[in-house]
Protein backbone atom coordinates (compact mmCIF):
# COMPACT_ATOMS: atom_id res chain seq x y z
CA UNK A 1 -6.87 -4.83 -16.63
CA UNK A 2 -3.38 -5.83 -15.54
CA UNK A 3 -2.44 -9.32 -16.68
CA UNK A 4 1.00 -11.11 -15.18
CA UNK A 5 3.86 -11.59 -17.54
CA UNK A 6 6.64 -14.22 -17.01
CA UNK A 7 9.52 -13.94 -19.30
CA UNK A 8 12.69 -14.42 -16.94
CA UNK A 9 13.86 -17.27 -14.98
CA UNK A 10 10.61 -18.01 -13.18
CA UNK A 11 10.27 -21.83 -14.28
CA UNK A 12 14.04 -22.42 -13.71
CA UNK A 13 13.79 -20.99 -10.19
CA UNK A 14 10.47 -22.94 -9.54
CA UNK A 15 12.18 -26.18 -10.52
CA UNK A 16 15.10 -25.47 -8.26
CA UNK A 17 12.53 -25.23 -5.39
CA UNK A 18 10.84 -28.51 -6.32
CA UNK A 19 14.20 -30.21 -6.83
CA UNK A 20 15.61 -29.27 -3.40
CA UNK A 21 12.09 -30.05 -1.73
CA UNK A 22 12.16 -26.32 -0.27
CA UNK A 23 8.90 -25.22 -1.35
CA UNK A 24 7.43 -23.75 1.83
CA UNK A 25 8.58 -20.69 4.00
CA UNK A 26 12.08 -21.87 4.39
CA UNK A 27 14.30 -21.55 1.42
CA UNK A 28 16.94 -19.47 -0.40
CA UNK A 29 14.57 -17.47 -2.30
CA UNK A 30 12.73 -16.09 0.61
CA UNK A 31 15.71 -14.37 2.02
CA UNK A 32 17.00 -13.25 -1.53
CA UNK A 33 13.77 -11.64 -2.42
CA UNK A 34 13.72 -9.61 0.64
CA UNK A 35 17.46 -8.50 0.05
CA UNK A 36 16.56 -7.66 -3.60
CA UNK A 37 13.54 -5.49 -2.74
CA UNK A 38 15.38 -3.89 -0.09
CA UNK A 39 18.17 -2.91 -2.18
CA UNK A 40 15.95 -1.80 -4.99
CA UNK A 41 13.78 0.49 -2.83
CA UNK A 42 16.55 1.74 -0.52
CA UNK A 43 14.94 0.27 2.47
CA UNK A 44 17.25 -0.64 5.48
CA UNK A 45 15.34 -3.78 5.73
CA UNK A 46 12.46 -5.69 3.86
CA UNK A 47 10.27 -8.47 5.26
CA UNK A 48 8.10 -10.58 3.04
CA UNK A 49 4.45 -11.61 4.12
CA UNK A 50 1.90 -13.93 2.44
CA UNK A 51 -0.12 -11.05 1.01
CA UNK A 52 -0.30 -7.28 1.32
CA UNK A 53 -3.20 -7.26 3.58
CA UNK A 54 -1.32 -9.43 6.15
CA UNK A 55 1.61 -7.12 5.81
CA UNK A 56 -0.72 -4.13 6.45
CA UNK A 57 -2.06 -5.78 9.44
CA UNK A 58 1.42 -6.65 10.97
CA UNK A 59 2.58 -2.98 10.25
CA UNK A 60 -0.30 -1.47 12.31
CA UNK A 61 0.25 -3.69 15.22
CA UNK A 62 4.20 -2.89 15.12
CA UNK A 63 3.57 0.98 15.36
CA UNK A 64 0.97 0.49 18.45
CA UNK A 65 -2.51 0.41 16.77
CA UNK A 66 -4.78 -1.42 19.25
CA UNK A 67 -8.45 -1.94 19.89
CA UNK A 68 -10.70 1.30 20.51
CA UNK A 69 -7.80 3.59 18.75
CA UNK A 70 -8.48 5.44 15.37
CA UNK A 71 -6.48 5.24 12.33
CA UNK A 72 -6.69 8.01 9.56
CA UNK A 73 -6.69 7.05 6.12
CA UNK A 74 -8.28 8.01 2.76
CA UNK A 75 -11.96 6.84 1.75
CA UNK A 76 -10.51 6.26 -2.05
CA UNK A 77 -8.46 3.05 -1.31
CA UNK A 78 -9.04 -0.64 -1.83
CA UNK A 79 -10.68 -2.34 1.07
CA UNK A 80 -7.58 -4.03 2.23
CA UNK A 81 -6.56 -0.86 3.82
CA UNK A 82 -9.73 -0.43 6.03
CA UNK A 83 -9.81 -4.22 6.78
CA UNK A 84 -6.47 -4.10 8.31
CA UNK A 85 -7.42 -1.55 10.47
CA UNK A 86 -10.43 -3.41 11.62
CA UNK A 87 -8.53 -6.50 12.23
CA UNK A 88 -6.78 -4.58 14.93
CA UNK A 89 -10.09 -3.47 16.40
CA UNK A 90 -9.46 0.05 15.47
CA UNK A 91 -11.69 2.63 13.68
CA UNK A 92 -10.74 4.23 10.41
CA UNK A 93 -11.18 7.95 10.16
CA UNK A 94 -11.79 8.60 6.23
CA UNK A 95 -10.38 11.86 4.75
CA UNK A 96 -10.19 13.57 1.38
CA UNK A 97 -7.81 13.16 -1.51
CA UNK A 98 -5.99 15.65 -3.71
CA UNK A 99 -7.18 15.88 -7.14
CA UNK A 100 -3.54 16.01 -8.39
CA UNK A 101 -2.70 12.73 -6.67
CA UNK A 102 -5.82 10.75 -5.86
CA UNK A 103 -3.95 10.21 -2.53
CA UNK A 104 -4.68 11.71 0.95
CA UNK A 105 -4.63 15.28 1.02
CA UNK A 106 -1.86 17.04 3.40
CA UNK A 107 -4.33 20.04 3.65
CA UNK A 108 -7.39 17.84 4.46
CA UNK A 109 -5.17 15.93 7.11
CA UNK A 110 -3.93 19.23 8.58
CA UNK A 111 -7.24 20.68 8.86
CA UNK A 112 -9.02 17.63 10.35
CA UNK A 113 -6.33 17.32 12.96
CA UNK A 114 -6.58 21.16 13.98
CA UNK A 115 -10.17 20.78 14.35
CA UNK A 116 -10.67 17.57 15.85
CA UNK A 117 -7.64 16.27 17.78
CA UNK A 118 -6.33 17.56 21.31
CA UNK A 119 -2.76 16.49 22.36
CA UNK A 120 -2.75 15.33 25.83
CA UNK A 121 0.31 14.37 27.87
CA UNK A 122 0.04 10.53 28.66
CA UNK A 123 2.36 8.28 30.63
CA UNK A 124 3.85 5.91 28.16
CA UNK A 125 4.70 3.35 30.83
CA UNK A 126 5.25 3.15 34.51
CA UNK A 127 8.95 4.05 34.23
CA UNK A 128 8.91 6.74 31.65
CA UNK A 129 7.77 10.29 31.99
CA UNK A 130 4.50 11.30 30.07
CA UNK A 131 4.50 11.54 26.20
CA UNK A 132 2.10 13.98 24.18
CA UNK A 133 -0.45 11.89 22.53
CA UNK A 134 -3.24 12.71 20.10
CA UNK A 135 -6.94 12.24 21.13
CA UNK A 136 -10.25 12.63 19.06
CA UNK A 137 -11.94 15.33 20.90
CA UNK A 138 -15.33 13.89 19.68
CA UNK A 139 -14.82 10.13 20.52
CA UNK A 140 -11.95 10.34 23.06
CA UNK A 141 -9.99 7.80 21.27
CA UNK A 142 -6.43 7.81 20.51
CA UNK A 143 -5.14 8.65 17.01
CA UNK A 144 -2.68 5.62 16.56
CA UNK A 145 -1.53 5.77 12.96
CA UNK A 146 -2.02 7.30 9.54
CA UNK A 147 -2.19 5.29 6.38
CA UNK A 148 -2.04 7.05 3.08
CA UNK A 149 -2.10 5.16 -0.04
CA UNK A 150 -0.21 5.72 -3.38
CA UNK A 151 -3.19 5.39 -5.51
CA UNK A 152 -2.92 3.39 -8.86
CA UNK A 153 0.93 3.61 -8.34
CA UNK A 154 1.08 7.36 -8.21
CA UNK A 155 2.99 8.86 -5.18
CA UNK A 156 0.86 10.69 -2.59
CA UNK A 157 2.62 13.90 -1.03
CA UNK A 158 4.31 11.93 1.52
CA UNK A 159 6.78 14.05 2.86
CA UNK A 160 4.03 16.72 3.81
CA UNK A 161 1.91 14.00 5.46
CA UNK A 162 4.78 12.61 7.51
CA UNK A 163 5.88 16.20 8.52
CA UNK A 164 2.24 16.96 9.75
CA UNK A 165 1.79 13.60 11.55
CA UNK A 166 5.15 14.28 13.49
CA UNK A 167 3.77 17.22 14.94
CA UNK A 168 1.18 15.08 16.62
CA UNK A 169 3.29 12.02 17.30
CA UNK A 170 1.21 9.95 14.80
CA UNK A 171 3.22 7.20 12.96
CA UNK A 172 2.80 6.91 9.29
CA UNK A 173 2.52 3.58 7.34
CA UNK A 174 2.61 4.04 3.73
CA UNK A 175 0.16 1.62 1.85
CA UNK A 176 2.52 1.36 -1.11
CA UNK A 177 0.84 -1.80 -2.22
CA UNK A 178 0.41 -0.62 -5.83
CA UNK A 179 3.57 1.39 -6.15
CA UNK A 180 6.74 -0.62 -6.57
CA UNK A 181 8.91 1.42 -8.98
CA UNK A 182 7.38 4.70 -7.80
CA UNK A 183 9.47 7.38 -6.43
CA UNK A 184 8.47 10.55 -4.50
CA UNK A 185 11.31 13.42 -4.77
CA UNK A 186 13.96 10.53 -5.46
CA UNK A 187 12.76 8.28 -2.74
CA UNK A 188 10.98 5.14 -3.35
CA UNK A 189 7.36 4.96 -1.91
CA UNK A 190 7.10 2.86 1.08
CA UNK A 191 10.50 4.17 2.40
CA UNK A 192 9.50 7.56 3.71
CA UNK A 193 7.13 6.95 6.69
CA UNK A 194 7.75 4.53 9.53
CA UNK A 195 6.98 1.52 7.61
CA UNK A 196 5.79 0.73 3.95
CA UNK A 197 3.85 -1.98 2.62
CA UNK A 198 4.01 -3.47 -1.01
CA UNK A 199 1.57 -6.17 -2.63
CA UNK A 200 2.82 -8.64 -5.16
CA UNK A 201 -0.80 -9.90 -5.97
CA UNK A 202 -1.31 -11.47 -9.41
CA UNK A 203 -2.53 -8.24 -10.89
CA UNK A 204 0.42 -6.01 -9.64
CA UNK A 205 3.28 -4.69 -11.51
CA UNK A 206 5.64 -7.48 -10.18
CA UNK A 207 3.71 -10.45 -8.93
CA UNK A 208 4.65 -13.69 -6.77
CA UNK A 209 1.17 -15.01 -7.20
CA UNK A 210 0.28 -13.52 -3.97
CA UNK A 211 2.74 -11.80 -1.50
CA UNK A 212 3.39 -8.60 0.26
CA UNK A 213 6.39 -7.00 1.74
CA UNK A 214 7.20 -4.66 4.58
CA UNK A 215 9.84 -1.89 4.37
CA UNK A 216 11.64 -0.47 7.19
CA UNK A 217 13.83 2.34 8.01
CA UNK A 218 14.60 0.91 11.31
CA UNK A 219 16.40 -2.35 10.92
CA UNK A 220 15.63 -3.45 14.48
CA UNK A 221 11.91 -2.95 13.76
CA UNK A 222 12.25 -4.96 10.83
CA UNK A 223 14.03 -7.81 12.69
CA UNK A 224 10.89 -7.83 15.07
CA UNK A 225 8.73 -8.07 12.21
CA UNK A 226 10.56 -11.11 10.67
CA UNK A 227 10.31 -12.81 14.16
CA UNK A 228 6.52 -12.06 14.45
CA UNK A 229 6.00 -13.53 10.91
CA UNK A 230 7.44 -16.83 11.75
CA UNK A 231 5.10 -17.42 14.73
CA UNK A 232 7.41 -15.76 17.08
CA UNK A 233 9.81 -18.94 17.23
CA UNK A 234 13.04 -18.53 19.08
CA UNK A 235 16.00 -20.09 17.44
CA UNK A 236 16.73 -23.49 18.87
CA UNK A 237 18.14 -27.00 17.33
CA UNK A 238 15.04 -28.78 18.40
CA UNK A 239 12.78 -27.26 20.86
CA UNK A 240 9.62 -25.36 19.91
CA UNK A 241 9.78 -22.30 21.78
CA UNK A 242 7.69 -19.16 21.12
CA UNK A 243 8.15 -16.09 23.23
CA UNK A 244 5.02 -14.12 22.13
CA UNK A 245 2.04 -14.29 20.06
CA UNK A 246 3.08 -14.69 16.55
CA UNK A 247 1.53 -14.98 13.17
CA UNK A 248 2.10 -17.44 10.11
CA UNK A 249 2.70 -14.71 7.71
CA UNK A 250 5.90 -15.96 5.93
CA UNK A 251 5.65 -16.05 1.98
CA UNK A 252 6.42 -19.55 0.64
CA UNK A 253 9.75 -20.09 -1.03
CA UNK A 254 7.92 -20.95 -4.34
CA UNK A 255 6.30 -17.60 -4.36
CA UNK A 256 9.48 -15.80 -3.62
CA UNK A 257 11.32 -17.60 -6.52
CA UNK A 258 8.84 -15.97 -8.90
CA UNK A 259 9.44 -12.57 -7.18
CA UNK A 260 13.28 -13.09 -7.59
CA UNK A 261 12.92 -13.79 -11.27
CA UNK A 262 10.70 -11.00 -11.91
CA UNK A 263 12.74 -8.51 -10.22
CA UNK A 264 15.71 -9.31 -12.23
CA UNK A 265 14.23 -7.80 -15.37
CA UNK A 266 11.98 -5.27 -13.46
CA UNK A 267 13.67 -2.19 -15.09
CA UNK A 268 12.30 -3.39 -18.41
CA UNK A 269 8.87 -3.96 -16.85
CA UNK A 270 8.72 -0.40 -15.64
CA UNK A 271 10.05 1.34 -18.83
CA UNK A 272 7.38 -0.74 -20.79
CA UNK A 273 4.72 0.53 -18.29
CA UNK A 274 5.99 3.98 -18.56
CA UNK A 275 6.04 3.89 -22.50
CA UNK A 276 2.39 2.79 -22.53
CA UNK A 277 1.43 5.51 -20.46
CA UNK A 278 2.89 7.91 -22.66
CA UNK A 279 1.12 6.50 -25.55
CA UNK A 280 -2.11 6.96 -23.81
CA UNK A 281 -1.23 10.34 -22.92
CA UNK A 282 -0.50 11.26 -26.46
CA UNK A 283 -3.74 9.74 -27.72
CA UNK A 284 -6.23 11.30 -25.16
CA UNK A 285 -4.41 14.63 -25.88
CA UNK A 286 -6.60 14.68 -28.78
CA UNK A 287 -9.88 13.91 -27.11
CA UNK A 288 -12.15 15.49 -24.44
CA UNK A 289 -10.99 12.95 -21.85
CA UNK A 290 -8.35 13.66 -19.39
CA UNK A 291 -5.40 11.02 -18.81
CA UNK A 292 -4.31 11.19 -15.27
CA UNK A 293 -0.35 11.91 -15.14
CA UNK A 294 2.00 11.61 -12.51
CA UNK A 295 2.03 14.28 -9.90
CA UNK A 296 4.79 16.88 -9.76
CA UNK A 297 8.11 15.63 -8.35
CA UNK A 298 7.07 12.08 -8.83
CA UNK A 299 7.96 9.17 -11.12
CA UNK A 300 5.13 6.93 -11.25
CA UNK A 301 5.03 3.15 -12.15
CA UNK A 302 1.64 3.93 -13.86
CA UNK A 303 0.41 0.54 -12.49
CA UNK A 304 -3.18 1.33 -13.78
CA UNK A 305 -3.69 3.90 -16.40
CA UNK A 306 -6.45 6.23 -15.35
CA UNK A 307 -8.78 8.58 -17.30
CA UNK A 308 -11.28 11.13 -16.02
CA UNK A 309 -14.68 11.36 -17.65
CA UNK A 310 -16.90 14.51 -17.37
CA UNK A 311 -19.49 12.99 -15.18
CA UNK A 312 -20.98 9.75 -13.78
CA UNK A 313 -23.34 9.36 -16.69
CA UNK A 314 -20.45 9.53 -19.16
CA UNK A 315 -18.52 7.39 -17.15
CA UNK A 316 -21.17 4.68 -17.07
CA UNK A 317 -21.83 4.83 -20.74
CA UNK A 318 -17.86 4.40 -21.40
CA UNK A 319 -18.07 1.43 -19.01
CA UNK A 320 -20.84 -0.24 -20.72
CA UNK A 321 -19.52 0.31 -24.08
CA UNK A 322 -16.17 -0.97 -23.72
CA UNK A 323 -16.92 -3.87 -21.64
CA UNK A 324 -19.65 -4.99 -23.95
CA UNK A 325 -17.05 -4.98 -26.68
CA UNK A 326 -14.50 -7.14 -24.94
CA UNK A 327 -12.35 -4.42 -23.50
CA UNK A 328 -12.02 -4.75 -19.71
CA UNK A 329 -12.41 -1.14 -18.16
CA UNK A 330 -13.36 -0.54 -14.37
CA UNK A 331 -14.40 2.36 -12.12
CA UNK A 332 -12.64 3.12 -8.96
CA UNK A 333 -13.45 1.36 -5.97
CA UNK A 334 -16.64 2.26 -3.94
CA UNK A 335 -15.49 4.83 -1.26
CA UNK A 336 -14.83 3.04 2.11
CA UNK A 337 -17.16 5.32 3.91
CA UNK A 338 -20.02 4.29 1.63
CA UNK A 339 -19.73 0.56 2.78
CA UNK A 340 -22.09 -0.80 5.30
CA UNK A 341 -19.16 -1.78 7.65
CA UNK A 342 -17.64 1.69 7.74
CA UNK A 343 -20.93 4.07 7.36
CA UNK A 344 -20.48 5.21 10.89
CA UNK A 345 -16.90 6.15 10.63
CA UNK A 346 -15.90 9.95 11.05
CA UNK A 347 -15.12 11.91 7.74
CA UNK A 348 -14.37 15.22 6.42
CA UNK A 349 -16.21 16.69 3.64
CA UNK A 350 -14.65 14.06 1.01
CA UNK A 351 -15.47 16.63 -1.90
CA UNK A 352 -12.68 15.29 -4.22
CA UNK A 353 -13.15 11.77 -3.38
CA UNK A 354 -16.89 11.68 -4.43
CA UNK A 355 -15.70 13.86 -7.61
CA UNK A 356 -13.27 10.98 -8.48
CA UNK A 357 -15.72 8.33 -7.68
CA UNK A 358 -18.27 9.59 -10.51
CA UNK A 359 -15.51 10.08 -13.05
CA UNK A 360 -12.53 7.56 -12.73
CA UNK A 361 -12.08 4.77 -15.09
CA UNK A 362 -9.03 2.49 -15.32
CA UNK A 363 -8.11 1.26 -18.61
CA UNK A 364 -6.02 -1.79 -20.00
CA UNK A 365 -2.55 -1.39 -18.42
CA UNK A 366 -0.75 -4.72 -18.82
CA UNK A 367 2.84 -5.07 -20.01
CA UNK A 368 3.00 -4.89 -23.96
CA UNK A 369 4.46 -8.27 -25.17
């Protein structure tokens, strides 16, 4: 579906790691990679993690997601989104997507909040006056975050989502795992909500083998995240002093070295991907199959190229035909609300999500050599 390509200084930088013996989470490439991603995306600060799931987990904790709270997200997403919410002991609420983005629908979000949420004045701590917070009228639980996803690299209507959530004091974490190189109204995905999350898994548009990244508008929050990823160890010449519960979430230098090399020619990678999408668009224009195009006001990285078949039967016939002939094609993920771990979670109608589930096929999307 999306094979990694290494055509820059990856081997040179890896040999530098080996020659200097800095192969673990301390090394020049870790900091360099963070700085390069921050500059490219326009984030105030970027903090690298072992993988995108770790980054999501930490992002949720940083905005205050706790046990017995609820987090709004979309059911059309990779399981890492829902799993990270569960790691915090929180409960996902799965809402529908829009047909023109395959991402969380602002209208679905607005309607669900209006019908299901009551804002209550709650003491934020013992020394500060009360703050208005959103609670689910049905369950009584606090809505602690909202996590829209930029599906297959296509930007969701993130400005609208952030605006709606701001009216309820709900922090927004962008699951931008698939969307490095994608922009919404000129802003890079992952830089519009409170925190953004990228993934550099082996199948992504830029890979470090594994790896993830947190993007911040608030530099101080970013510094706190970096502290937590290094086991919350305070600086000291020899003492092991940790000031809170931390996490071993730092990416090794060898992985960051690959990322630095890949980012140096990322503009060419992105141009290659968008050119492939243009070829697919032209081809499918002469068929009865719809090729999914980037939404209005968006520039997509086209991480995965997506086609829409007319119904589930046709989709399954297409998947069977192509895979039997050595062409890897895949359907969308099973919607999260249908998995046994999440079947009891609250949802809205999910009409569009179920429509997409029966029709989406992702087709070969690698960088063309």
